Full PDB file with SEQRES, HELIX, SHEET, SSBOND, CRYST1, ORIGX, SCALE, CONECT and MASTER records, all heavy atoms in Angstrom:
SEQRES   1 A   31  LYS GLY GLU MET ALA LYS GLY GLN ILE VAL SER GLY GLU          
SEQRES   2 A   31  GLN ILE THR PRO VAL TYR PHE ASP PHE ASN LYS GLU LYS          
SEQRES   3 A   31  GLU VAL TRP LYS ILE                                          
SHEET    1 AA1 3 MET A   4  SER A  11  0                                        
SHEET    2 AA1 3 GLN A  14  GLU A  25 -1                                        
SHEET    3 AA1 3 VAL A  28  LYS A  30 -1                                        
CRYST1    1.000    1.000    1.000  90.00  90.00  90.00 P 1           1          
ORIGX1      1.000000  0.000000  0.000000        0.00000                         
ORIGX2      0.000000  1.000000  0.000000        0.00000                         
ORIGX3      0.000000  0.000000  1.000000        0.00000                         
SCALE1      1.000000  0.000000  0.000000        0.00000                         
SCALE2      0.000000  1.000000  0.000000        0.00000                         
SCALE3      0.000000  0.000000  1.000000        0.00000                         
ATOM      1  N   LYS A   1      85.560 156.979-113.691  1.00  0.00           N  
ATOM      2  CA  LYS A   1      84.106 157.069-113.696  1.00  0.00           C  
ATOM      3  C   LYS A   1      83.719 158.395-114.319  1.00  0.00           C  
ATOM      4  O   LYS A   1      83.606 159.413-113.645  1.00  0.00           O  
ATOM      5  CB  LYS A   1      83.540 156.956-112.282  1.00  0.00           C  
ATOM      6  CG  LYS A   1      82.022 156.829-112.239  1.00  0.00           C  
ATOM      7  CD  LYS A   1      81.525 156.614-110.814  1.00  0.00           C  
ATOM      8  CE  LYS A   1      80.006 156.456-110.811  1.00  0.00           C  
ATOM      9  NZ  LYS A   1      79.484 156.269-109.420  1.00  0.00           N  
ATOM     10  N   GLY A   2      83.541 158.370-115.633  1.00  0.00           N  
ATOM     11  CA  GLY A   2      83.202 159.591-116.354  1.00  0.00           C  
ATOM     12  C   GLY A   2      84.312 160.621-116.269  1.00  0.00           C  
ATOM     13  O   GLY A   2      85.457 160.367-116.629  1.00  0.00           O  
ATOM     14  N   GLU A   3      83.953 161.801-115.747  1.00  0.00           N  
ATOM     15  CA  GLU A   3      84.910 162.906-115.634  1.00  0.00           C  
ATOM     16  C   GLU A   3      85.659 162.879-114.300  1.00  0.00           C  
ATOM     17  O   GLU A   3      86.348 163.843-113.957  1.00  0.00           O  
ATOM     18  CB  GLU A   3      84.162 164.248-115.759  1.00  0.00           C  
ATOM     19  CG  GLU A   3      83.380 164.401-117.057  1.00  0.00           C  
ATOM     20  CD  GLU A   3      84.294 164.571-118.253  1.00  0.00           C  
ATOM     21  OE1 GLU A   3      84.834 165.670-118.423  1.00  0.00           O  
ATOM     22  OE2 GLU A   3      84.470 163.588-119.003  1.00  0.00           O  
ATOM     23  N   MET A   4      85.523 161.783-113.561  1.00  0.00           N  
ATOM     24  CA  MET A   4      86.205 161.645-112.275  1.00  0.00           C  
ATOM     25  C   MET A   4      87.071 160.393-112.283  1.00  0.00           C  
ATOM     26  O   MET A   4      86.810 159.451-113.031  1.00  0.00           O  
ATOM     27  CB  MET A   4      85.193 161.565-111.134  1.00  0.00           C  
ATOM     28  CG  MET A   4      84.342 162.814-110.979  1.00  0.00           C  
ATOM     29  SD  MET A   4      83.146 162.676-109.604  1.00  0.00           S  
ATOM     30  CE  MET A   4      82.044 161.429-110.272  1.00  0.00           C  
ATOM     31  N   ALA A   5      88.080 160.409-111.446  1.00  0.00           N  
ATOM     32  CA  ALA A   5      88.960 159.242-111.334  1.00  0.00           C  
ATOM     33  C   ALA A   5      89.543 159.175-109.931  1.00  0.00           C  
ATOM     34  O   ALA A   5      89.606 160.180-109.223  1.00  0.00           O  
ATOM     35  CB  ALA A   5      90.089 159.326-112.362  1.00  0.00           C  
ATOM     36  N   LYS A   6      89.936 157.973-109.550  1.00  0.00           N  
ATOM     37  CA  LYS A   6      90.642 157.759-108.294  1.00  0.00           C  
ATOM     38  C   LYS A   6      91.963 157.082-108.613  1.00  0.00           C  
ATOM     39  O   LYS A   6      91.983 156.082-109.333  1.00  0.00           O  
ATOM     40  CB  LYS A   6      89.810 156.905-107.335  1.00  0.00           C  
ATOM     41  CG  LYS A   6      88.626 157.634-106.709  1.00  0.00           C  
ATOM     42  CD  LYS A   6      87.928 156.763-105.694  1.00  0.00           C  
ATOM     43  CE  LYS A   6      86.840 157.539-104.967  1.00  0.00           C  
ATOM     44  NZ  LYS A   6      87.388 158.617-104.113  1.00  0.00           N  
ATOM     45  N   GLY A   7      93.041 157.632-108.086  1.00  0.00           N  
ATOM     46  CA  GLY A   7      94.369 157.075-108.329  1.00  0.00           C  
ATOM     47  C   GLY A   7      94.984 156.581-107.034  1.00  0.00           C  
ATOM     48  O   GLY A   7      95.125 157.351-106.083  1.00  0.00           O  
ATOM     49  N   GLN A   8      95.327 155.300-106.990  1.00  0.00           N  
ATOM     50  CA  GLN A   8      95.878 154.703-105.777  1.00  0.00           C  
ATOM     51  C   GLN A   8      97.337 155.094-105.593  1.00  0.00           C  
ATOM     52  O   GLN A   8      98.136 155.011-106.527  1.00  0.00           O  
ATOM     53  CB  GLN A   8      95.752 153.185-105.825  1.00  0.00           C  
ATOM     54  CG  GLN A   8      96.112 152.481-104.531  1.00  0.00           C  
ATOM     55  CD  GLN A   8      95.801 150.996-104.575  1.00  0.00           C  
ATOM     56  OE1 GLN A   8      95.833 150.385-105.648  1.00  0.00           O  
ATOM     57  NE2 GLN A   8      95.493 150.412-103.428  1.00  0.00           N  
ATOM     58  N   ILE A   9      97.683 155.518-104.382  1.00  0.00           N  
ATOM     59  CA  ILE A   9      99.054 155.923-104.093  1.00  0.00           C  
ATOM     60  C   ILE A   9      99.912 154.697-103.818  1.00  0.00           C  
ATOM     61  O   ILE A   9      99.584 153.869-102.964  1.00  0.00           O  
ATOM     62  CB  ILE A   9      99.102 156.876-102.885  1.00  0.00           C  
ATOM     63  CG1 ILE A   9      98.309 158.152-103.192  1.00  0.00           C  
ATOM     64  CG2 ILE A   9     100.554 157.225-102.540  1.00  0.00           C  
ATOM     65  CD1 ILE A   9      98.201 159.093-102.012  1.00  0.00           C  
ATOM     66  N   VAL A  10     101.008 154.592-104.553  1.00  0.00           N  
ATOM     67  CA  VAL A  10     102.028 153.585-104.297  1.00  0.00           C  
ATOM     68  C   VAL A  10     103.241 154.320-103.740  1.00  0.00           C  
ATOM     69  O   VAL A  10     103.782 155.222-104.386  1.00  0.00           O  
ATOM     70  CB  VAL A  10     102.409 152.817-105.578  1.00  0.00           C  
ATOM     71  CG1 VAL A  10     103.502 151.798-105.280  1.00  0.00           C  
ATOM     72  CG2 VAL A  10     101.180 152.138-106.179  1.00  0.00           C  
ATOM     73  N   SER A  11     103.643 153.974-102.511  1.00  0.00           N  
ATOM     74  CA  SER A  11     104.760 154.637-101.855  1.00  0.00           C  
ATOM     75  C   SER A  11     105.969 153.715-101.857  1.00  0.00           C  
ATOM     76  O   SER A  11     105.981 152.687-101.173  1.00  0.00           O  
ATOM     77  CB  SER A  11     104.378 154.998-100.413  1.00  0.00           C  
ATOM     78  OG  SER A  11     105.415 155.710 -99.787  1.00  0.00           O  
ATOM     79  N   GLY A  12     106.971 154.068-102.640  1.00  0.00           N  
ATOM     80  CA  GLY A  12     108.096 153.157-102.845  1.00  0.00           C  
ATOM     81  C   GLY A  12     107.581 151.930-103.577  1.00  0.00           C  
ATOM     82  O   GLY A  12     107.054 152.022-104.677  1.00  0.00           O  
ATOM     83  N   GLU A  13     107.694 150.780-102.946  1.00  0.00           N  
ATOM     84  CA  GLU A  13     107.154 149.548-103.527  1.00  0.00           C  
ATOM     85  C   GLU A  13     105.881 149.113-102.811  1.00  0.00           C  
ATOM     86  O   GLU A  13     105.330 148.052-103.117  1.00  0.00           O  
ATOM     87  CB  GLU A  13     108.200 148.428-103.431  1.00  0.00           C  
ATOM     88  CG  GLU A  13     109.475 148.703-104.213  1.00  0.00           C  
ATOM     89  CD  GLU A  13     109.200 148.964-105.685  1.00  0.00           C  
ATOM     90  OE1 GLU A  13     108.382 148.237-106.280  1.00  0.00           O  
ATOM     91  OE2 GLU A  13     109.789 149.908-106.244  1.00  0.00           O  
ATOM     92  N   GLN A  14     105.405 149.941-101.882  1.00  0.00           N  
ATOM     93  CA  GLN A  14     104.240 149.563-101.084  1.00  0.00           C  
ATOM     94  C   GLN A  14     102.958 150.150-101.664  1.00  0.00           C  
ATOM     95  O   GLN A  14     102.837 151.362-101.829  1.00  0.00           O  
ATOM     96  CB  GLN A  14     104.411 150.034 -99.628  1.00  0.00           C  
ATOM     97  CG  GLN A  14     103.256 149.627 -98.722  1.00  0.00           C  
ATOM     98  CD  GLN A  14     103.469 150.081 -97.291  1.00  0.00           C  
ATOM     99  OE1 GLN A  14     104.492 150.658 -96.959  1.00  0.00           O  
ATOM    100  NE2 GLN A  14     102.511 149.801 -96.430  1.00  0.00           N  
ATOM    101  N   ILE A  15     102.011 149.273-101.950  1.00  0.00           N  
ATOM    102  CA  ILE A  15     100.690 149.709-102.405  1.00  0.00           C  
ATOM    103  C   ILE A  15      99.882 150.111-101.185  1.00  0.00           C  
ATOM    104  O   ILE A  15      99.700 149.318-100.257  1.00  0.00           O  
ATOM    105  CB  ILE A  15      99.973 148.578-103.175  1.00  0.00           C  
ATOM    106  CG1 ILE A  15     100.777 148.192-104.426  1.00  0.00           C  
ATOM    107  CG2 ILE A  15      98.564 149.001-103.566  1.00  0.00           C  
ATOM    108  CD1 ILE A  15     100.245 146.979-105.149  1.00  0.00           C  
ATOM    109  N   THR A  16      99.410 151.341-101.156  1.00  0.00           N  
ATOM    110  CA  THR A  16      98.668 151.835 -99.994  1.00  0.00           C  
ATOM    111  C   THR A  16      97.153 151.762-100.272  1.00  0.00           C  
ATOM    112  O   THR A  16      96.733 151.649-101.424  1.00  0.00           O  
ATOM    113  CB  THR A  16      99.037 153.293 -99.675  1.00  0.00           C  
ATOM    114  OG1 THR A  16      98.396 154.165-100.624  1.00  0.00           O  
ATOM    115  CG2 THR A  16     100.552 153.497 -99.735  1.00  0.00           C  
ATOM    116  N   PRO A  17      96.352 151.881 -99.216  1.00  0.00           N  
ATOM    117  CA  PRO A  17      94.896 151.915 -99.413  1.00  0.00           C  
ATOM    118  C   PRO A  17      94.388 153.325 -99.712  1.00  0.00           C  
ATOM    119  O   PRO A  17      93.181 153.568 -99.753  1.00  0.00           O  
ATOM    120  CB  PRO A  17      94.364 151.426 -98.055  1.00  0.00           C  
ATOM    121  CG  PRO A  17      95.396 151.870 -97.076  1.00  0.00           C  
ATOM    122  CD  PRO A  17      96.724 151.803 -97.793  1.00  0.00           C  
ATOM    123  N   VAL A  18      95.301 154.260 -99.946  1.00  0.00           N  
ATOM    124  CA  VAL A  18      94.948 155.669-100.116  1.00  0.00           C  
ATOM    125  C   VAL A  18      94.808 156.015-101.599  1.00  0.00           C  
ATOM    126  O   VAL A  18      95.647 155.625-102.421  1.00  0.00           O  
ATOM    127  CB  VAL A  18      96.019 156.577 -99.475  1.00  0.00           C  
ATOM    128  CG1 VAL A  18      95.637 158.044 -99.608  1.00  0.00           C  
ATOM    129  CG2 VAL A  18      96.212 156.203 -98.010  1.00  0.00           C  
ATOM    130  N   TYR A  19      93.755 156.759-101.916  1.00  0.00           N  
ATOM    131  CA  TYR A  19      93.501 157.194-103.294  1.00  0.00           C  
ATOM    132  C   TYR A  19      93.378 158.716-103.347  1.00  0.00           C  
ATOM    133  O   TYR A  19      92.713 159.320-102.510  1.00  0.00           O  
ATOM    134  CB  TYR A  19      92.200 156.596-103.826  1.00  0.00           C  
ATOM    135  CG  TYR A  19      92.262 155.136-104.203  1.00  0.00           C  
ATOM    136  CD1 TYR A  19      92.213 154.145-103.222  1.00  0.00           C  
ATOM    137  CD2 TYR A  19      92.361 154.745-105.531  1.00  0.00           C  
ATOM    138  CE1 TYR A  19      92.265 152.795-103.561  1.00  0.00           C  
ATOM    139  CE2 TYR A  19      92.407 153.396-105.882  1.00  0.00           C  
ATOM    140  CZ  TYR A  19      92.359 152.441-104.892  1.00  0.00           C  
ATOM    141  OH  TYR A  19      92.408 151.106-105.236  1.00  0.00           O  
ATOM    142  N   PHE A  20      94.013 159.316-104.340  1.00  0.00           N  
ATOM    143  CA  PHE A  20      93.760 160.713-104.674  1.00  0.00           C  
ATOM    144  C   PHE A  20      92.572 160.760-105.631  1.00  0.00           C  
ATOM    145  O   PHE A  20      92.435 159.902-106.506  1.00  0.00           O  
ATOM    146  CB  PHE A  20      94.959 161.354-105.393  1.00  0.00           C  
ATOM    147  CG  PHE A  20      95.937 162.044-104.494  1.00  0.00           C  
ATOM    148  CD1 PHE A  20      97.242 161.591-104.396  1.00  0.00           C  
ATOM    149  CD2 PHE A  20      95.561 163.174-103.771  1.00  0.00           C  
ATOM    150  CE1 PHE A  20      98.162 162.240-103.576  1.00  0.00           C  
ATOM    151  CE2 PHE A  20      96.474 163.826-102.961  1.00  0.00           C  
ATOM    152  CZ  PHE A  20      97.772 163.352-102.860  1.00  0.00           C  
ATOM    153  N   ASP A  21      91.734 161.776-105.477  1.00  0.00           N  
ATOM    154  CA  ASP A  21      90.687 162.031-106.457  1.00  0.00           C  
ATOM    155  C   ASP A  21      91.240 162.922-107.562  1.00  0.00           C  
ATOM    156  O   ASP A  21      92.070 163.803-107.299  1.00  0.00           O  
ATOM    157  CB  ASP A  21      89.489 162.729-105.814  1.00  0.00           C  
ATOM    158  CG  ASP A  21      88.689 161.809-104.906  1.00  0.00           C  
ATOM    159  OD1 ASP A  21      88.952 160.586-104.922  1.00  0.00           O  
ATOM    160  OD2 ASP A  21      87.811 162.305-104.186  1.00  0.00           O  
ATOM    161  N   PHE A  22      90.777 162.678-108.777  1.00  0.00           N  
ATOM    162  CA  PHE A  22      91.119 163.512-109.923  1.00  0.00           C  
ATOM    163  C   PHE A  22      89.825 163.915-110.628  1.00  0.00           C  
ATOM    164  O   PHE A  22      88.870 163.129-110.681  1.00  0.00           O  
ATOM    165  CB  PHE A  22      92.014 162.761-110.920  1.00  0.00           C  
ATOM    166  CG  PHE A  22      93.372 162.422-110.391  1.00  0.00           C  
ATOM    167  CD1 PHE A  22      93.570 161.321-109.556  1.00  0.00           C  
ATOM    168  CD2 PHE A  22      94.473 163.191-110.719  1.00  0.00           C  
ATOM    169  CE1 PHE A  22      94.824 160.998-109.063  1.00  0.00           C  
ATOM    170  CE2 PHE A  22      95.750 162.878-110.236  1.00  0.00           C  
ATOM    171  CZ  PHE A  22      95.917 161.782-109.404  1.00  0.00           C  
ATOM    172  N   ASN A  23      89.797 165.123-111.155  1.00  0.00           N  
ATOM    173  CA  ASN A  23      88.634 165.604-111.901  1.00  0.00           C  
ATOM    174  C   ASN A  23      89.078 166.142-113.251  1.00  0.00           C  
ATOM    175  O   ASN A  23      90.125 166.791-113.354  1.00  0.00           O  
ATOM    176  CB  ASN A  23      87.908 166.697-111.112  1.00  0.00           C  
ATOM    177  CG  ASN A  23      87.241 166.151-109.858  1.00  0.00           C  
ATOM    178  OD1 ASN A  23      86.305 165.363-109.941  1.00  0.00           O  
ATOM    179  ND2 ASN A  23      87.724 166.558-108.696  1.00  0.00           N  
ATOM    180  N   LYS A  24      88.277 165.849-114.257  1.00  0.00           N  
ATOM    181  CA  LYS A  24      88.586 166.313-115.607  1.00  0.00           C  
ATOM    182  C   LYS A  24      87.931 167.670-115.824  1.00  0.00           C  
ATOM    183  O   LYS A  24      86.707 167.800-115.791  1.00  0.00           O  
ATOM    184  CB  LYS A  24      88.085 165.304-116.646  1.00  0.00           C  
ATOM    185  CG  LYS A  24      88.835 165.364-117.965  1.00  0.00           C  
ATOM    186  CD  LYS A  24      88.411 164.213-118.870  1.00  0.00           C  
ATOM    187  CE  LYS A  24      89.297 164.122-120.093  1.00  0.00           C  
ATOM    188  NZ  LYS A  24      88.864 163.035-121.013  1.00  0.00           N  
ATOM    189  N   GLU A  25      88.754 168.680-116.036  1.00  0.00           N  
ATOM    190  CA  GLU A  25      88.266 170.034-116.233  1.00  0.00           C  
ATOM    191  C   GLU A  25      88.749 170.553-117.585  1.00  0.00           C  
ATOM    192  O   GLU A  25      89.952 170.621-117.825  1.00  0.00           O  
ATOM    193  CB  GLU A  25      88.771 170.947-115.104  1.00  0.00           C  
ATOM    194  CG  GLU A  25      88.262 170.521-113.723  1.00  0.00           C  
ATOM    195  CD  GLU A  25      88.844 171.349-112.588  1.00  0.00           C  
ATOM    196  OE1 GLU A  25      89.744 172.185-112.851  1.00  0.00           O  
ATOM    197  OE2 GLU A  25      88.399 171.150-111.459  1.00  0.00           O  
ATOM    198  N   LYS A  26      87.793 170.882-118.444  1.00  0.00           N  
ATOM    199  CA  LYS A  26      88.116 171.331-119.803  1.00  0.00           C  
ATOM    200  C   LYS A  26      89.044 170.336-120.499  1.00  0.00           C  
ATOM    201  O   LYS A  26      90.063 170.707-121.085  1.00  0.00           O  
ATOM    202  CB  LYS A  26      88.740 172.730-119.768  1.00  0.00           C  
ATOM    203  CG  LYS A  26      87.797 173.794-119.231  1.00  0.00           C  
ATOM    204  CD  LYS A  26      88.434 175.170-119.248  1.00  0.00           C  
ATOM    205  CE  LYS A  26      87.475 176.230-118.725  1.00  0.00           C  
ATOM    206  NZ  LYS A  26      88.079 177.577-118.687  1.00  0.00           N  
ATOM    207  N   GLU A  27      88.694 169.054-120.375  1.00  0.00           N  
ATOM    208  CA  GLU A  27      89.395 167.949-121.030  1.00  0.00           C  
ATOM    209  C   GLU A  27      90.782 167.676-120.465  1.00  0.00           C  
ATOM    210  O   GLU A  27      91.566 166.946-121.068  1.00  0.00           O  
ATOM    211  CB  GLU A  27      89.504 168.201-122.551  1.00  0.00           C  
ATOM    212  CG  GLU A  27      88.163 168.341-123.251  1.00  0.00           C  
ATOM    213  CD  GLU A  27      87.288 167.098-123.045  1.00  0.00           C  
ATOM    214  OE1 GLU A  27      87.781 165.976-123.240  1.00  0.00           O  
ATOM    215  OE2 GLU A  27      86.110 167.282-122.680  1.00  0.00           O  
ATOM    216  N   VAL A  28      91.081 168.252-119.309  1.00  0.00           N  
ATOM    217  CA  VAL A  28      92.397 168.044-118.694  1.00  0.00           C  
ATOM    218  C   VAL A  28      92.208 167.504-117.276  1.00  0.00           C  
ATOM    219  O   VAL A  28      91.428 168.047-116.494  1.00  0.00           O  
ATOM    220  CB  VAL A  28      93.199 169.369-118.630  1.00  0.00           C  
ATOM    221  CG1 VAL A  28      94.541 169.147-117.949  1.00  0.00           C  
ATOM    222  CG2 VAL A  28      93.413 169.929-120.034  1.00  0.00           C  
ATOM    223  N   TRP A  29      92.931 166.435-116.937  1.00  0.00           N  
ATOM    224  CA  TRP A  29      92.838 165.860-115.599  1.00  0.00           C  
ATOM    225  C   TRP A  29      93.573 166.730-114.595  1.00  0.00           C  
ATOM    226  O   TRP A  29      94.693 167.179-114.840  1.00  0.00           O  
ATOM    227  CB  TRP A  29      93.420 164.447-115.576  1.00  0.00           C  
ATOM    228  CG  TRP A  29      92.533 163.437-116.236  1.00  0.00           C  
ATOM    229  CD1 TRP A  29      92.706 162.866-117.467  1.00  0.00           C  
ATOM    230  CD2 TRP A  29      91.319 162.896-115.709  1.00  0.00           C  
ATOM    231  NE1 TRP A  29      91.673 161.999-117.743  1.00  0.00           N  
ATOM    232  CE2 TRP A  29      90.812 161.987-116.682  1.00  0.00           C  
ATOM    233  CE3 TRP A  29      90.612 163.065-114.519  1.00  0.00           C  
ATOM    234  CZ2 TRP A  29      89.629 161.279-116.493  1.00  0.00           C  
ATOM    235  CZ3 TRP A  29      89.429 162.368-114.322  1.00  0.00           C  
ATOM    236  CH2 TRP A  29      88.945 161.492-115.299  1.00  0.00           C  
ATOM    237  N   LYS A  30      92.910 166.979-113.437  1.00  0.00           N  
ATOM    238  CA  LYS A  30      93.488 167.771-112.357  1.00  0.00           C  
ATOM    239  C   LYS A  30      93.341 166.991-111.042  1.00  0.00           C  
ATOM    240  O   LYS A  30      92.358 166.276-110.842  1.00  0.00           O  
ATOM    241  CB  LYS A  30      92.770 169.127-112.232  1.00  0.00           C  
ATOM    242  CG  LYS A  30      92.776 170.000-113.501  1.00  0.00           C  
ATOM    243  CD  LYS A  30      94.146 170.589-113.734  1.00  0.00           C  
ATOM    244  CE  LYS A  30      94.158 171.533-114.939  1.00  0.00           C  
ATOM    245  NZ  LYS A  30      93.590 172.849-114.624  1.00  0.00           N  
ATOM    246  N   ILE A  31      94.292 167.172-110.140  1.00  0.00           N  
ATOM    247  CA  ILE A  31      94.292 166.463-108.869  1.00  0.00           C  
ATOM    248  C   ILE A  31      93.546 167.255-107.797  1.00  0.00           C  
ATOM    249  O   ILE A  31      93.630 168.484-107.745  1.00  0.00           O  
ATOM    250  CB  ILE A  31      95.739 166.164-108.418  1.00  0.00           C  
ATOM    251  CG1 ILE A  31      95.764 165.224-107.215  1.00  0.00           C  
ATOM    252  CG2 ILE A  31      96.508 167.443-108.119  1.00  0.00           C  
ATOM    253  CD1 ILE A  31      97.153 164.717-106.862  1.00  0.00           C  
TER     254      ILE A  31                                                      
MASTER        0    0    0    0    3    0    0    6  253    1    0    3          
END                                                                             
């Protein structure tokens, strides 16, 4: 979503309901 993103955590082979937020700073994605 624009300069923001959400990345879903996959632990081993298990898809979790947990997402890390990421922000784009100076054209570079940061967690």
